[in-house]
Amino acid sequence: MAKANIKNSKTSIKPLAGYVLVEPAEAQATTASGIILPESAQEKPAMGKVLSVGPDWVLEGGKTLKCPVKVGDKVYYKKWGGDEIKIDGKELKLVKFDDLMATVE
C-alpha cells in the first residue's frame, strides 16, 4: 500500500480496505465561450489523481475485490461518490472502489 505524498504535511494518509485517496482536479473557472465563473458556480470535477490505495476489500462470503487502480492513475469517480477531507488546507477525497468508474490514459 502506498502512502500519500502531501508536501509539507506531517500526516500520512493510508486508506483502509476498499478505498483510494484521490486529489480532485481543479474546477474549471471559465466556460467554453470564455465567461469567468465565480467559485460558487464552479462545478466540482469528478476526476482526479490517485495518491494512495487501500488493501483489497474482502466481501461477505470471503470473495476479494482487488483494487482496480494504482498510485498515479487519473480516474473518474461518481459525482456524489467519496468523502471530502482536508489535509493542510488541501481538499482530498476518499473514494470507495465501487465509486470509481474509469481511468484516463
N, C-alpha and C. Protein backbone atom coordinates (compact mmCIF):
# COMPACT_ATOMS: atom_id res chain seq x y z
N MET A 1 0.84 -1.17 0.00
CA MET A 1 0.00 0.00 0.00
C MET A 1 0.89 1.23 0.00
N ALA A 2 0.59 2.18 -0.85
CA ALA A 2 1.39 3.39 -0.98
C ALA A 2 0.87 4.47 -0.04
N LYS A 3 1.78 5.32 0.42
CA LYS A 3 1.40 6.45 1.27
C LYS A 3 1.19 7.67 0.40
N ALA A 4 0.31 8.54 0.86
CA ALA A 4 0.08 9.79 0.14
C ALA A 4 1.24 10.72 0.39
N ASN A 5 1.78 11.30 -0.66
CA ASN A 5 2.85 12.27 -0.53
C ASN A 5 2.26 13.66 -0.60
N ILE A 6 2.00 14.25 0.55
CA ILE A 6 1.43 15.58 0.61
C ILE A 6 2.53 16.49 1.12
N LYS A 7 2.96 17.42 0.27
CA LYS A 7 4.08 18.29 0.61
C LYS A 7 3.83 19.05 1.90
N ASN A 8 4.87 19.19 2.71
CA ASN A 8 4.84 19.92 3.97
C ASN A 8 3.82 19.38 4.96
N SER A 9 3.45 18.13 4.84
CA SER A 9 2.48 17.54 5.74
C SER A 9 3.15 16.54 6.66
N LYS A 10 2.76 16.56 7.90
CA LYS A 10 3.25 15.57 8.86
C LYS A 10 2.29 14.39 8.92
N THR A 11 1.20 14.47 8.19
CA THR A 11 0.17 13.44 8.18
C THR A 11 0.38 12.50 7.01
N SER A 12 0.30 11.22 7.28
CA SER A 12 0.39 10.22 6.23
C SER A 12 -0.96 9.51 6.17
N ILE A 13 -1.65 9.63 5.05
CA ILE A 13 -2.97 9.03 4.90
C ILE A 13 -2.83 7.66 4.26
N LYS A 14 -3.34 6.64 4.93
CA LYS A 14 -3.34 5.28 4.41
C LYS A 14 -4.79 4.81 4.36
N PRO A 15 -5.41 4.77 3.18
CA PRO A 15 -6.80 4.34 3.09
C PRO A 15 -6.97 2.91 3.60
N LEU A 16 -8.12 2.65 4.18
CA LEU A 16 -8.46 1.31 4.63
C LEU A 16 -8.93 0.48 3.44
N ALA A 17 -9.19 -0.79 3.69
CA ALA A 17 -9.60 -1.71 2.63
C ALA A 17 -10.81 -1.17 1.87
N GLY A 18 -10.70 -1.21 0.54
CA GLY A 18 -11.80 -0.80 -0.31
C GLY A 18 -11.84 0.67 -0.67
N TYR A 19 -10.82 1.44 -0.26
CA TYR A 19 -10.80 2.88 -0.52
C TYR A 19 -9.52 3.30 -1.24
N VAL A 20 -9.61 4.41 -1.98
CA VAL A 20 -8.44 5.07 -2.57
C VAL A 20 -8.50 6.55 -2.19
N LEU A 21 -7.34 7.17 -2.07
CA LEU A 21 -7.25 8.60 -1.79
C LEU A 21 -7.00 9.31 -3.10
N VAL A 22 -7.87 10.27 -3.44
CA VAL A 22 -7.81 10.97 -4.73
C VAL A 22 -7.67 12.47 -4.50
N GLU A 23 -6.79 13.08 -5.30
CA GLU A 23 -6.67 14.54 -5.32
C GLU A 23 -7.52 15.02 -6.50
N PRO A 24 -8.68 15.66 -6.22
CA PRO A 24 -9.54 16.12 -7.31
C PRO A 24 -8.85 17.12 -8.22
N ALA A 25 -9.19 17.08 -9.51
CA ALA A 25 -8.68 18.05 -10.47
C ALA A 25 -9.27 19.42 -10.15
N GLU A 26 -8.62 20.46 -10.61
CA GLU A 26 -9.10 21.82 -10.39
C GLU A 26 -10.43 22.04 -11.12
N ALA A 27 -11.33 22.80 -10.49
CA ALA A 27 -12.60 23.14 -11.12
C ALA A 27 -12.34 24.12 -12.25
N GLN A 28 -13.12 24.00 -13.31
CA GLN A 28 -12.96 24.89 -14.46
C GLN A 28 -13.51 26.27 -14.09
N ALA A 29 -12.69 27.30 -14.28
CA ALA A 29 -13.05 28.66 -13.88
C ALA A 29 -13.72 29.45 -14.99
N THR A 30 -13.68 28.96 -16.23
CA THR A 30 -14.33 29.66 -17.35
C THR A 30 -15.14 28.68 -18.17
N THR A 31 -16.13 29.20 -18.86
CA THR A 31 -16.93 28.37 -19.76
C THR A 31 -16.21 28.26 -21.09
N ALA A 32 -16.73 27.43 -21.98
CA ALA A 32 -16.13 27.26 -23.30
C ALA A 32 -16.12 28.58 -24.08
N SER A 33 -17.10 29.45 -23.80
CA SER A 33 -17.17 30.73 -24.51
C SER A 33 -16.35 31.83 -23.83
N GLY A 34 -15.67 31.50 -22.72
CA GLY A 34 -14.79 32.46 -22.07
C GLY A 34 -15.38 33.21 -20.89
N ILE A 35 -16.60 32.88 -20.50
CA ILE A 35 -17.22 33.55 -19.35
C ILE A 35 -16.56 33.04 -18.07
N ILE A 36 -16.12 33.96 -17.22
CA ILE A 36 -15.47 33.59 -15.96
C ILE A 36 -16.55 33.28 -14.93
N LEU A 37 -16.44 32.11 -14.33
CA LEU A 37 -17.41 31.67 -13.33
C LEU A 37 -16.92 31.98 -11.93
N PRO A 38 -17.83 32.50 -11.05
CA PRO A 38 -17.43 32.67 -9.66
C PRO A 38 -17.26 31.29 -9.02
N GLU A 39 -16.49 31.22 -7.95
CA GLU A 39 -16.20 29.94 -7.32
C GLU A 39 -17.47 29.20 -6.91
N SER A 40 -18.49 29.93 -6.49
CA SER A 40 -19.74 29.30 -6.05
C SER A 40 -20.48 28.62 -7.21
N ALA A 41 -20.22 29.04 -8.44
CA ALA A 41 -20.91 28.47 -9.61
C ALA A 41 -20.09 27.37 -10.29
N GLN A 42 -18.84 27.19 -9.86
CA GLN A 42 -17.99 26.18 -10.48
C GLN A 42 -18.39 24.79 -10.01
N GLU A 43 -18.57 23.91 -10.98
CA GLU A 43 -18.92 22.53 -10.64
C GLU A 43 -17.65 21.76 -10.31
N LYS A 44 -17.68 21.07 -9.18
CA LYS A 44 -16.51 20.29 -8.80
C LYS A 44 -16.35 19.12 -9.76
N PRO A 45 -15.15 18.88 -10.22
CA PRO A 45 -14.93 17.78 -11.15
C PRO A 45 -15.05 16.43 -10.47
N ALA A 46 -15.40 15.42 -11.24
CA ALA A 46 -15.47 14.06 -10.73
C ALA A 46 -14.28 13.29 -11.29
N MET A 47 -13.13 13.96 -11.33
CA MET A 47 -11.92 13.37 -11.86
C MET A 47 -10.76 13.78 -10.96
N GLY A 48 -9.77 12.92 -10.84
CA GLY A 48 -8.62 13.26 -10.04
C GLY A 48 -7.51 12.25 -10.17
N LYS A 49 -6.44 12.49 -9.41
CA LYS A 49 -5.25 11.65 -9.44
C LYS A 49 -5.20 10.81 -8.16
N VAL A 50 -4.93 9.52 -8.30
CA VAL A 50 -4.85 8.61 -7.16
C VAL A 50 -3.54 8.86 -6.42
N LEU A 51 -3.65 9.19 -5.12
CA LEU A 51 -2.47 9.44 -4.30
C LEU A 51 -2.07 8.22 -3.48
N SER A 52 -3.06 7.43 -3.08
CA SER A 52 -2.80 6.28 -2.22
C SER A 52 -3.94 5.28 -2.38
N VAL A 53 -3.64 3.99 -2.23
CA VAL A 53 -4.66 2.96 -2.35
C VAL A 53 -4.69 2.09 -1.10
N GLY A 54 -5.88 1.65 -0.75
CA GLY A 54 -6.03 0.74 0.39
C GLY A 54 -5.86 -0.70 -0.07
N PRO A 55 -5.80 -1.62 0.90
CA PRO A 55 -5.67 -3.04 0.55
C PRO A 55 -6.95 -3.55 -0.10
N ASP A 56 -6.84 -4.74 -0.70
CA ASP A 56 -8.01 -5.37 -1.31
C ASP A 56 -9.13 -5.50 -0.28
N TRP A 57 -10.37 -5.45 -0.77
CA TRP A 57 -11.54 -5.47 0.09
C TRP A 57 -12.11 -6.87 0.10
N VAL A 58 -12.25 -7.47 1.29
CA VAL A 58 -12.83 -8.81 1.41
C VAL A 58 -14.32 -8.66 1.64
N LEU A 59 -15.11 -9.20 0.71
CA LEU A 59 -16.57 -9.10 0.76
C LEU A 59 -17.16 -10.24 1.59
N GLU A 60 -18.46 -10.14 1.84
CA GLU A 60 -19.14 -11.23 2.54
C GLU A 60 -18.98 -12.50 1.73
N GLY A 61 -18.78 -13.59 2.42
CA GLY A 61 -18.59 -14.86 1.73
C GLY A 61 -17.12 -15.12 1.39
N GLY A 62 -16.24 -14.18 1.73
CA GLY A 62 -14.81 -14.38 1.52
C GLY A 62 -14.28 -13.99 0.15
N LYS A 63 -15.14 -13.51 -0.74
CA LYS A 63 -14.68 -13.08 -2.06
C LYS A 63 -13.87 -11.78 -1.90
N THR A 64 -12.76 -11.66 -2.67
CA THR A 64 -11.89 -10.48 -2.57
C THR A 64 -12.08 -9.58 -3.79
N LEU A 65 -12.25 -8.29 -3.52
CA LEU A 65 -12.34 -7.27 -4.57
C LEU A 65 -10.99 -6.57 -4.63
N LYS A 66 -10.25 -6.81 -5.70
CA LYS A 66 -8.92 -6.22 -5.88
C LYS A 66 -9.05 -4.73 -6.20
N CYS A 67 -8.05 -3.97 -5.79
CA CYS A 67 -8.03 -2.53 -6.10
C CYS A 67 -7.87 -2.38 -7.62
N PRO A 68 -8.79 -1.66 -8.27
CA PRO A 68 -8.76 -1.54 -9.73
C PRO A 68 -7.78 -0.50 -10.27
N VAL A 69 -7.14 0.28 -9.40
CA VAL A 69 -6.24 1.35 -9.85
C VAL A 69 -4.94 1.29 -9.07
N LYS A 70 -3.96 2.09 -9.53
CA LYS A 70 -2.68 2.19 -8.81
C LYS A 70 -2.36 3.66 -8.58
N VAL A 71 -1.42 3.92 -7.71
CA VAL A 71 -1.00 5.29 -7.41
C VAL A 71 -0.52 5.96 -8.69
N GLY A 72 -1.00 7.19 -8.91
CA GLY A 72 -0.62 7.95 -10.10
C GLY A 72 -1.65 7.91 -11.20
N ASP A 73 -2.59 6.94 -11.15
CA ASP A 73 -3.63 6.86 -12.17
C ASP A 73 -4.55 8.08 -12.07
N LYS A 74 -5.05 8.52 -13.23
CA LYS A 74 -6.09 9.55 -13.26
C LYS A 74 -7.40 8.80 -13.42
N VAL A 75 -8.37 9.13 -12.57
CA VAL A 75 -9.63 8.38 -12.55
C VAL A 75 -10.84 9.31 -12.58
N TYR A 76 -11.94 8.77 -13.09
CA TYR A 76 -13.25 9.39 -12.95
C TYR A 76 -13.98 8.62 -11.87
N TYR A 77 -14.68 9.34 -11.00
CA TYR A 77 -15.46 8.71 -9.95
C TYR A 77 -16.86 9.29 -9.97
N LYS A 78 -17.79 8.61 -9.30
CA LYS A 78 -19.18 9.08 -9.29
C LYS A 78 -19.24 10.49 -8.72
N LYS A 79 -20.11 11.31 -9.31
CA LYS A 79 -20.21 12.72 -8.95
C LYS A 79 -20.42 12.91 -7.45
N TRP A 80 -21.25 12.11 -6.85
CA TRP A 80 -21.51 12.25 -5.42
C TRP A 80 -20.76 11.20 -4.62
N GLY A 81 -19.81 10.51 -5.25
CA GLY A 81 -19.05 9.47 -4.56
C GLY A 81 -17.92 10.06 -3.74
N GLY A 82 -17.50 9.34 -2.74
CA GLY A 82 -16.36 9.72 -1.93
C GLY A 82 -16.69 10.70 -0.83
N ASP A 83 -15.79 10.79 0.11
CA ASP A 83 -15.92 11.71 1.24
C ASP A 83 -14.77 12.69 1.21
N GLU A 84 -15.09 13.98 1.31
CA GLU A 84 -14.07 15.01 1.27
C GLU A 84 -13.37 15.11 2.62
N ILE A 85 -12.04 15.25 2.57
CA ILE A 85 -11.26 15.51 3.76
C ILE A 85 -10.30 16.64 3.43
N LYS A 86 -9.86 17.37 4.44
CA LYS A 86 -8.91 18.46 4.23
C LYS A 86 -7.64 18.15 5.00
N ILE A 87 -6.51 18.17 4.31
CA ILE A 87 -5.21 17.97 4.92
C ILE A 87 -4.36 19.19 4.58
N ASP A 88 -3.94 19.91 5.58
CA ASP A 88 -3.11 21.11 5.40
C ASP A 88 -3.71 22.06 4.37
N GLY A 89 -5.04 22.26 4.43
CA GLY A 89 -5.72 23.18 3.54
C GLY A 89 -6.00 22.63 2.15
N LYS A 90 -5.60 21.41 1.88
CA LYS A 90 -5.79 20.80 0.56
C LYS A 90 -6.96 19.83 0.63
N GLU A 91 -7.93 20.00 -0.29
CA GLU A 91 -9.09 19.11 -0.32
C GLU A 91 -8.76 17.82 -1.06
N LEU A 92 -9.03 16.70 -0.41
CA LEU A 92 -8.82 15.38 -0.99
C LEU A 92 -10.11 14.59 -0.84
N LYS A 93 -10.19 13.45 -1.52
CA LYS A 93 -11.37 12.60 -1.42
C LYS A 93 -10.96 11.16 -1.14
N LEU A 94 -11.69 10.53 -0.23
CA LEU A 94 -11.57 9.09 -0.01
C LEU A 94 -12.72 8.46 -0.78
N VAL A 95 -12.39 7.67 -1.79
CA VAL A 95 -13.39 7.11 -2.70
C VAL A 95 -13.37 5.59 -2.61
N LYS A 96 -14.57 4.99 -2.50
CA LYS A 96 -14.68 3.54 -2.48
C LYS A 96 -14.34 2.97 -3.86
N PHE A 97 -13.83 1.75 -3.88
CA PHE A 97 -13.57 1.07 -5.15
C PHE A 97 -14.82 1.09 -6.02
N ASP A 98 -16.00 0.88 -5.40
CA ASP A 98 -17.28 0.83 -6.13
C ASP A 98 -17.62 2.14 -6.83
N ASP A 99 -17.12 3.26 -6.30
CA ASP A 99 -17.45 4.57 -6.87
C ASP A 99 -16.51 5.00 -8.00
N LEU A 100 -15.48 4.21 -8.26
CA LEU A 100 -14.59 4.50 -9.39
C LEU A 100 -15.25 4.03 -10.67
N MET A 101 -15.20 4.85 -11.73
CA MET A 101 -15.88 4.49 -12.97
C MET A 101 -14.95 4.24 -14.14
N ALA A 102 -13.80 4.96 -14.21
CA ALA A 102 -12.91 4.81 -15.37
C ALA A 102 -11.55 5.39 -15.04
N THR A 103 -10.55 4.93 -15.82
CA THR A 103 -9.22 5.53 -15.74
C THR A 103 -8.99 6.33 -17.03
N VAL A 104 -8.10 7.31 -16.94
CA VAL A 104 -7.78 8.15 -18.10
C VAL A 104 -6.37 7.80 -18.54
N GLU A 105 -6.21 7.50 -19.82
CA GLU A 105 -4.89 7.15 -20.35
C GLU A 105 -4.30 8.30 -21.14
